[in-house]
Amino acid sequence: IAVLTLCAAVALAAAPPMVAAAGPGHRVVLRDRID
């Protein structure tokens, strides 16, 4: 149960709806932070 909970937490943290702060149709990724 603990591993499954951790998997779900990782998925929610990395899934696009959770990082979609760059405007409609976009998400924030590491590529936007490093030039």
All heavy atoms as atom14 arrays in JSON, in Angstrom:
{
  "sequence": "IAVLTLCAAVALAAAPPMVAAAGPGHRVVLRDRID",
  "atom14_mask": [
    [1, 1, 1, 1, 1, 1, 1, 1, 0, 0, 0, 0, 0, 0],
    [1, 1, 1, 1, 1, 0, 0, 0, 0, 0, 0, 0, 0, 0],
    [1, 1, 1, 1, 1, 1, 1, 0, 0, 0, 0, 0, 0, 0],
    [1, 1, 1, 1, 1, 1, 1, 1, 0, 0, 0, 0, 0, 0],
    [1, 1, 1, 1, 1, 1, 1, 0, 0, 0, 0, 0, 0, 0],
    [1, 1, 1, 1, 1, 1, 1, 1, 0, 0, 0, 0, 0, 0],
    [1, 1, 1, 1, 1, 1, 0, 0, 0, 0, 0, 0, 0, 0],
    [1, 1, 1, 1, 1, 0, 0, 0, 0, 0, 0, 0, 0, 0],
    [1, 1, 1, 1, 1, 0, 0, 0, 0, 0, 0, 0, 0, 0],
    [1, 1, 1, 1, 1, 1, 1, 0, 0, 0, 0, 0, 0, 0],
    [1, 1, 1, 1, 1, 0, 0, 0, 0, 0, 0, 0, 0, 0],
    [1, 1, 1, 1, 1, 1, 1, 1, 0, 0, 0, 0, 0, 0],
    [1, 1, 1, 1, 1, 0, 0, 0, 0, 0, 0, 0, 0, 0],
    [1, 1, 1, 1, 1, 0, 0, 0, 0, 0, 0, 0, 0, 0],
    [1, 1, 1, 1, 1, 0, 0, 0, 0, 0, 0, 0, 0, 0],
    [1, 1, 1, 1, 1, 1, 1, 0, 0, 0, 0, 0, 0, 0],
    [1, 1, 1, 1, 1, 1, 1, 0, 0, 0, 0, 0, 0, 0],
    [1, 1, 1, 1, 1, 1, 1, 1, 0, 0, 0, 0, 0, 0],
    [1, 1, 1, 1, 1, 1, 1, 0, 0, 0, 0, 0, 0, 0],
    [1, 1, 1, 1, 1, 0, 0, 0, 0, 0, 0, 0, 0, 0],
    [1, 1, 1, 1, 1, 0, 0, 0, 0, 0, 0, 0, 0, 0],
    [1, 1, 1, 1, 1, 0, 0, 0, 0, 0, 0, 0, 0, 0],
    [1, 1, 1, 1, 0, 0, 0, 0, 0, 0, 0, 0, 0, 0],
    [1, 1, 1, 1, 1, 1, 1, 0, 0, 0, 0, 0, 0, 0],
    [1, 1, 1, 1, 0, 0, 0, 0, 0, 0, 0, 0, 0, 0],
    [1, 1, 1, 1, 1, 1, 1, 1, 1, 1, 0, 0, 0, 0],
    [1, 1, 1, 1, 1, 1, 1, 1, 1, 1, 1, 0, 0, 0],
    [1, 1, 1, 1, 1, 1, 1, 0, 0, 0, 0, 0, 0, 0],
    [1, 1, 1, 1, 1, 1, 1, 0, 0, 0, 0, 0, 0, 0],
    [1, 1, 1, 1, 1, 1, 1, 1, 0, 0, 0, 0, 0, 0],
    [1, 1, 1, 1, 1, 1, 1, 1, 1, 1, 1, 0, 0, 0],
    [1, 1, 1, 1, 1, 1, 1, 1, 0, 0, 0, 0, 0, 0],
    [1, 1, 1, 1, 1, 1, 1, 1, 1, 1, 1, 0, 0, 0],
    [1, 1, 1, 1, 1, 1, 1, 1, 0, 0, 0, 0, 0, 0],
    [1, 1, 1, 1, 1, 1, 1, 1, 0, 0, 0, 0, 0, 0]
  ],
  "atom14_positions": [
    [[0.83, -1.21, 0.0], [0.0, 0.0, 0.0], [0.86, 1.25, 0.0], [0.59, 2.23, -0.7], [-0.94, -0.03, 1.22], [-1.95, -1.18, 1.09], [-1.68, 1.3, 1.36], [-2.8, -1.37, 2.33], [0.0, 0.0, 0.0], [0.0, 0.0, 0.0], [0.0, 0.0, 0.0], [0.0, 0.0, 0.0], [0.0, 0.0, 0.0], [0.0, 0.0, 0.0]],
    [[1.96, 1.21, 0.77], [2.85, 2.38, 0.83], [3.51, 2.64, -0.52], [3.61, 3.79, -0.97], [3.92, 2.17, 1.9], [0.0, 0.0, 0.0], [0.0, 0.0, 0.0], [0.0, 0.0, 0.0], [0.0, 0.0, 0.0], [0.0, 0.0, 0.0], [0.0, 0.0, 0.0], [0.0, 0.0, 0.0], [0.0, 0.0, 0.0], [0.0, 0.0, 0.0]],
    [[3.97, 1.58, -1.19], [4.58, 1.75, -2.5], [3.57, 2.28, -3.51], [3.88, 3.17, -4.33], [5.19, 0.41, -2.98], [5.66, 0.52, -4.43], [6.34, 0.01, -2.09], [0.0, 0.0, 0.0], [0.0, 0.0, 0.0], [0.0, 0.0, 0.0], [0.0, 0.0, 0.0], [0.0, 0.0, 0.0], [0.0, 0.0, 0.0], [0.0, 0.0, 0.0]],
    [[2.36, 1.76, -3.49], [1.33, 2.23, -4.4], [1.0, 3.7, -4.15], [0.82, 4.49, -5.09], [0.07, 1.38, -4.25], [-1.1, 1.74, -5.18], [-0.67, 1.64, -6.63], [-2.3, 0.85, -4.91], [0.0, 0.0, 0.0], [0.0, 0.0, 0.0], [0.0, 0.0, 0.0], [0.0, 0.0, 0.0], [0.0, 0.0, 0.0], [0.0, 0.0, 0.0]],
    [[0.95, 4.09, -2.88], [0.71, 5.49, -2.56], [1.84, 6.38, -3.08], [1.6, 7.47, -3.62], [0.58, 5.67, -1.04], [-0.48, 4.84, -0.56], [0.28, 7.12, -0.68], [0.0, 0.0, 0.0], [0.0, 0.0, 0.0], [0.0, 0.0, 0.0], [0.0, 0.0, 0.0], [0.0, 0.0, 0.0], [0.0, 0.0, 0.0], [0.0, 0.0, 0.0]],
    [[3.08, 5.91, -2.92], [4.22, 6.68, -3.43], [4.16, 6.79, -4.95], [4.45, 7.86, -5.51], [5.52, 6.02, -2.99], [6.82, 6.71, -3.41], [6.86, 8.14, -2.88], [8.03, 5.93, -2.92], [0.0, 0.0, 0.0], [0.0, 0.0, 0.0], [0.0, 0.0, 0.0], [0.0, 0.0, 0.0], [0.0, 0.0, 0.0], [0.0, 0.0, 0.0]],
    [[3.79, 5.7, -5.64], [3.67, 5.74, -7.1], [2.62, 6.77, -7.53], [2.83, 7.55, -8.47], [3.29, 4.35, -7.64], [4.58, 3.12, -7.5], [0.0, 0.0, 0.0], [0.0, 0.0, 0.0], [0.0, 0.0, 0.0], [0.0, 0.0, 0.0], [0.0, 0.0, 0.0], [0.0, 0.0, 0.0], [0.0, 0.0, 0.0], [0.0, 0.0, 0.0]],
    [[1.49, 6.77, -6.83], [0.44, 7.73, -7.18], [0.9, 9.16, -6.93], [0.61, 10.07, -7.72], [-0.82, 7.43, -6.36], [0.0, 0.0, 0.0], [0.0, 0.0, 0.0], [0.0, 0.0, 0.0], [0.0, 0.0, 0.0], [0.0, 0.0, 0.0], [0.0, 0.0, 0.0], [0.0, 0.0, 0.0], [0.0, 0.0, 0.0], [0.0, 0.0, 0.0]],
    [[1.66, 9.37, -5.84], [2.16, 10.72, -5.55], [3.13, 11.19, -6.62], [3.09, 12.34, -7.06], [2.83, 10.73, -4.17], [0.0, 0.0, 0.0], [0.0, 0.0, 0.0], [0.0, 0.0, 0.0], [0.0, 0.0, 0.0], [0.0, 0.0, 0.0], [0.0, 0.0, 0.0], [0.0, 0.0, 0.0], [0.0, 0.0, 0.0], [0.0, 0.0, 0.0]],
    [[4.03, 10.29, -7.06], [4.97, 10.64, -8.13], [4.22, 10.97, -9.41], [4.54, 11.94, -10.12], [5.96, 9.47, -8.37], [6.8, 9.73, -9.61], [6.86, 9.31, -7.15], [0.0, 0.0, 0.0], [0.0, 0.0, 0.0], [0.0, 0.0, 0.0], [0.0, 0.0, 0.0], [0.0, 0.0, 0.0], [0.0, 0.0, 0.0], [0.0, 0.0, 0.0]],
    [[3.2, 10.17, -9.73], [2.43, 10.41, -10.95], [1.72, 11.75, -10.9], [1.72, 12.51, -11.88], [1.42, 9.28, -11.16], [0.0, 0.0, 0.0], [0.0, 0.0, 0.0], [0.0, 0.0, 0.0], [0.0, 0.0, 0.0], [0.0, 0.0, 0.0], [0.0, 0.0, 0.0], [0.0, 0.0, 0.0], [0.0, 0.0, 0.0], [0.0, 0.0, 0.0]],
    [[1.11, 12.06, -9.76], [0.41, 13.34, -9.64], [1.37, 14.51, -9.71], [1.06, 15.57, -10.25], [-0.37, 13.37, -8.33], [-1.61, 12.48, -8.26], [-2.21, 12.53, -6.86], [-2.63, 12.89, -9.31], [0.0, 0.0, 0.0], [0.0, 0.0, 0.0], [0.0, 0.0, 0.0], [0.0, 0.0, 0.0], [0.0, 0.0, 0.0], [0.0, 0.0, 0.0]],
    [[2.57, 14.34, -9.14], [3.56, 15.43, -9.15], [4.1, 15.68, -10.54], [4.44, 16.81, -10.91], [4.71, 15.11, -8.21], [0.0, 0.0, 0.0], [0.0, 0.0, 0.0], [0.0, 0.0, 0.0], [0.0, 0.0, 0.0], [0.0, 0.0, 0.0], [0.0, 0.0, 0.0], [0.0, 0.0, 0.0], [0.0, 0.0, 0.0], [0.0, 0.0, 0.0]],
    [[4.2, 14.65, -11.37], [4.81, 14.79, -12.7], [3.8, 14.91, -13.82], [4.16, 15.3, -14.92], [5.71, 13.58, -12.98], [0.0, 0.0, 0.0], [0.0, 0.0, 0.0], [0.0, 0.0, 0.0], [0.0, 0.0, 0.0], [0.0, 0.0, 0.0], [0.0, 0.0, 0.0], [0.0, 0.0, 0.0], [0.0, 0.0, 0.0], [0.0, 0.0, 0.0]],
    [[2.55, 14.56, -13.56], [1.56, 14.61, -14.63], [1.31, 16.03, -15.08], [1.39, 16.97, -14.29], [0.25, 13.99, -14.13], [0.0, 0.0, 0.0], [0.0, 0.0, 0.0], [0.0, 0.0, 0.0], [0.0, 0.0, 0.0], [0.0, 0.0, 0.0], [0.0, 0.0, 0.0], [0.0, 0.0, 0.0], [0.0, 0.0, 0.0], [0.0, 0.0, 0.0]],
    [[1.02, 16.25, -16.35], [0.87, 17.59, -16.91], [-0.13, 18.48, -16.2], [0.15, 19.66, -16.0], [0.45, 17.31, -18.36], [0.95, 15.95, -18.63], [0.88, 15.21, -17.34], [0.0, 0.0, 0.0], [0.0, 0.0, 0.0], [0.0, 0.0, 0.0], [0.0, 0.0, 0.0], [0.0, 0.0, 0.0], [0.0, 0.0, 0.0], [0.0, 0.0, 0.0]],
    [[-1.31, 18.0, -15.75], [-2.24, 18.92, -15.12], [-1.68, 19.57, -13.86], [-2.09, 20.64, -13.49], [-3.44, 18.01, -14.78], [-3.36, 16.89, -15.74], [-1.9, 16.67, -15.93], [0.0, 0.0, 0.0], [0.0, 0.0, 0.0], [0.0, 0.0, 0.0], [0.0, 0.0, 0.0], [0.0, 0.0, 0.0], [0.0, 0.0, 0.0], [0.0, 0.0, 0.0]],
    [[-0.7, 18.89, -13.21], [-0.15, 19.44, -11.99], [0.93, 20.47, -12.24], [1.32, 21.2, -11.33], [0.42, 18.31, -11.13], [-0.61, 17.27, -10.73], [-1.97, 17.99, -9.79], [-1.12, 18.47, -8.3], [0.0, 0.0, 0.0], [0.0, 0.0, 0.0], [0.0, 0.0, 0.0], [0.0, 0.0, 0.0], [0.0, 0.0, 0.0], [0.0, 0.0, 0.0]],
    [[1.47, 20.52, -13.46], [2.54, 21.47, -13.76], [2.15, 22.4, -14.88], [2.98, 23.09, -15.45], [3.85, 20.73, -14.14], [4.37, 19.96, -12.96], [3.63, 19.81, -15.32], [0.0, 0.0, 0.0], [0.0, 0.0, 0.0], [0.0, 0.0, 0.0], [0.0, 0.0, 0.0], [0.0, 0.0, 0.0], [0.0, 0.0, 0.0], [0.0, 0.0, 0.0]],
    [[0.86, 22.45, -15.21], [0.42, 23.27, -16.33], [0.29, 24.71, -15.89], [-0.78, 25.24, -15.7], [-0.93, 22.77, -16.86], [0.0, 0.0, 0.0], [0.0, 0.0, 0.0], [0.0, 0.0, 0.0], [0.0, 0.0, 0.0], [0.0, 0.0, 0.0], [0.0, 0.0, 0.0], [0.0, 0.0, 0.0], [0.0, 0.0, 0.0], [0.0, 0.0, 0.0]],
    [[1.43, 25.34, -15.66], [1.45, 26.72, -15.2], [1.97, 27.66, -16.25], [2.19, 28.83, -15.99], [2.3, 26.82, -13.94], [0.0, 0.0, 0.0], [0.0, 0.0, 0.0], [0.0, 0.0, 0.0], [0.0, 0.0, 0.0], [0.0, 0.0, 0.0], [0.0, 0.0, 0.0], [0.0, 0.0, 0.0], [0.0, 0.0, 0.0], [0.0, 0.0, 0.0]],
    [[2.21, 27.17, -17.44], [2.79, 28.0, -18.5], [1.74, 28.52, -19.47], [2.07, 29.05, -20.5], [3.82, 27.2, -19.26], [0.0, 0.0, 0.0], [0.0, 0.0, 0.0], [0.0, 0.0, 0.0], [0.0, 0.0, 0.0], [0.0, 0.0, 0.0], [0.0, 0.0, 0.0], [0.0, 0.0, 0.0], [0.0, 0.0, 0.0], [0.0, 0.0, 0.0]],
    [[0.45, 28.37, -19.11], [-0.6, 28.85, -20.01], [-1.29, 27.68, -20.67], [-0.86, 26.53, -20.56], [0.0, 0.0, 0.0], [0.0, 0.0, 0.0], [0.0, 0.0, 0.0], [0.0, 0.0, 0.0], [0.0, 0.0, 0.0], [0.0, 0.0, 0.0], [0.0, 0.0, 0.0], [0.0, 0.0, 0.0], [0.0, 0.0, 0.0], [0.0, 0.0, 0.0]],
    [[-2.41, 27.96, -21.36], [-3.17, 26.89, -22.0], [-2.32, 26.12, -23.0], [-1.62, 26.7, -23.82], [-4.31, 27.66, -22.69], [-4.41, 28.96, -21.97], [-3.02, 29.27, -21.52], [0.0, 0.0, 0.0], [0.0, 0.0, 0.0], [0.0, 0.0, 0.0], [0.0, 0.0, 0.0], [0.0, 0.0, 0.0], [0.0, 0.0, 0.0], [0.0, 0.0, 0.0]],
    [[-2.41, 24.79, -22.91], [-1.7, 23.94, -23.85], [-0.23, 23.77, -23.56], [0.49, 23.19, -24.36], [0.0, 0.0, 0.0], [0.0, 0.0, 0.0], [0.0, 0.0, 0.0], [0.0, 0.0, 0.0], [0.0, 0.0, 0.0], [0.0, 0.0, 0.0], [0.0, 0.0, 0.0], [0.0, 0.0, 0.0], [0.0, 0.0, 0.0], [0.0, 0.0, 0.0]],
    [[0.25, 24.29, -22.44], [1.67, 24.18, -22.1], [1.83, 23.77, -20.65], [0.89, 23.89, -19.86], [2.4, 25.51, -22.34], [2.51, 25.86, -23.79], [1.47, 26.4, -24.51], [3.54, 25.73, -24.67], [1.85, 26.59, -25.76], [3.1, 26.21, -25.88], [0.0, 0.0, 0.0], [0.0, 0.0, 0.0], [0.0, 0.0, 0.0], [0.0, 0.0, 0.0]],
    [[3.01, 23.31, -20.31], [3.33, 22.96, -18.96], [4.76, 23.41, -18.66], [5.54, 23.7, -19.57], [3.21, 21.45, -18.73], [4.11, 20.62, -19.64], [3.72, 19.16, -19.58], [4.46, 18.38, -20.56], [5.55, 17.69, -20.3], [6.02, 17.66, -19.09], [6.16, 17.02, -21.25], [0.0, 0.0, 0.0], [0.0, 0.0, 0.0], [0.0, 0.0, 0.0]],
    [[5.09, 23.5, -17.4], [6.42, 23.91, -17.0], [7.31, 22.67, -16.91], [6.98, 21.7, -16.23], [6.39, 24.62, -15.63], [7.8, 24.97, -15.18], [5.53, 25.87, -15.71], [0.0, 0.0, 0.0], [0.0, 0.0, 0.0], [0.0, 0.0, 0.0], [0.0, 0.0, 0.0], [0.0, 0.0, 0.0], [0.0, 0.0, 0.0], [0.0, 0.0, 0.0]],
    [[8.42, 22.68, -17.62], [9.36, 21.57, -17.62], [10.77, 22.12, -17.41], [11.0, 23.32, -17.49], [9.29, 20.77, -18.95], [7.95, 20.05, -19.06], [9.51, 21.67, -20.15], [0.0, 0.0, 0.0], [0.0, 0.0, 0.0], [0.0, 0.0, 0.0], [0.0, 0.0, 0.0], [0.0, 0.0, 0.0], [0.0, 0.0, 0.0], [0.0, 0.0, 0.0]],
    [[11.71, 21.21, -17.14], [13.1, 21.63, -16.91], [13.67, 22.35, -18.12], [14.51, 23.24, -17.99], [13.96, 20.41, -16.59], [13.72, 19.75, -15.23], [14.63, 18.55, -15.08], [13.94, 20.74, -14.1], [0.0, 0.0, 0.0], [0.0, 0.0, 0.0], [0.0, 0.0, 0.0], [0.0, 0.0, 0.0], [0.0, 0.0, 0.0], [0.0, 0.0, 0.0]],
    [[13.23, 21.97, -19.32], [13.74, 22.59, -20.54], [13.53, 24.1, -20.53], [14.29, 24.85, -21.14], [13.03, 21.97, -21.75], [13.45, 22.48, -23.09], [12.82, 21.64, -24.16], [13.27, 20.26, -24.03], [14.42, 19.82, -24.5], [15.22, 20.63, -25.15], [14.78, 18.56, -24.35], [0.0, 0.0, 0.0], [0.0, 0.0, 0.0], [0.0, 0.0, 0.0]],
    [[12.48, 24.57, -19.85], [12.2, 26.0, -19.8], [13.09, 26.73, -18.81], [13.12, 27.95, -18.79], [10.73, 26.24, -19.42], [9.78, 25.64, -20.44], [10.13, 25.63, -21.62], [8.7, 25.19, -20.04], [0.0, 0.0, 0.0], [0.0, 0.0, 0.0], [0.0, 0.0, 0.0], [0.0, 0.0, 0.0], [0.0, 0.0, 0.0], [0.0, 0.0, 0.0]],
    [[13.81, 25.99, -17.97], [14.6, 26.61, -16.92], [16.08, 26.68, -17.25], [16.83, 27.38, -16.6], [14.43, 25.82, -15.61], [12.98, 25.72, -15.15], [12.41, 27.07, -14.85], [11.04, 26.97, -14.34], [10.26, 28.0, -14.14], [10.69, 29.22, -14.41], [9.04, 27.84, -13.69], [0.0, 0.0, 0.0], [0.0, 0.0, 0.0], [0.0, 0.0, 0.0]],
    [[16.53, 25.91, -18.21], [17.96, 25.84, -18.52], [18.18, 26.27, -19.96], [17.55, 25.75, -20.87], [18.5, 24.42, -18.31], [18.28, 24.0, -16.84], [19.97, 24.33, -18.67], [18.75, 22.61, -16.54], [0.0, 0.0, 0.0], [0.0, 0.0, 0.0], [0.0, 0.0, 0.0], [0.0, 0.0, 0.0], [0.0, 0.0, 0.0], [0.0, 0.0, 0.0]],
    [[19.05, 27.22, -20.18], [19.42, 27.68, -21.52], [20.93, 27.63, -21.67], [21.67, 27.71, -20.68], [18.95, 29.12, -21.73], [17.45, 29.22, -21.84], [16.87, 28.43, -22.59], [16.86, 30.07, -21.16], [0.0, 0.0, 0.0], [0.0, 0.0, 0.0], [0.0, 0.0, 0.0], [0.0, 0.0, 0.0], [0.0, 0.0, 0.0], [0.0, 0.0, 0.0]]
  ]
}
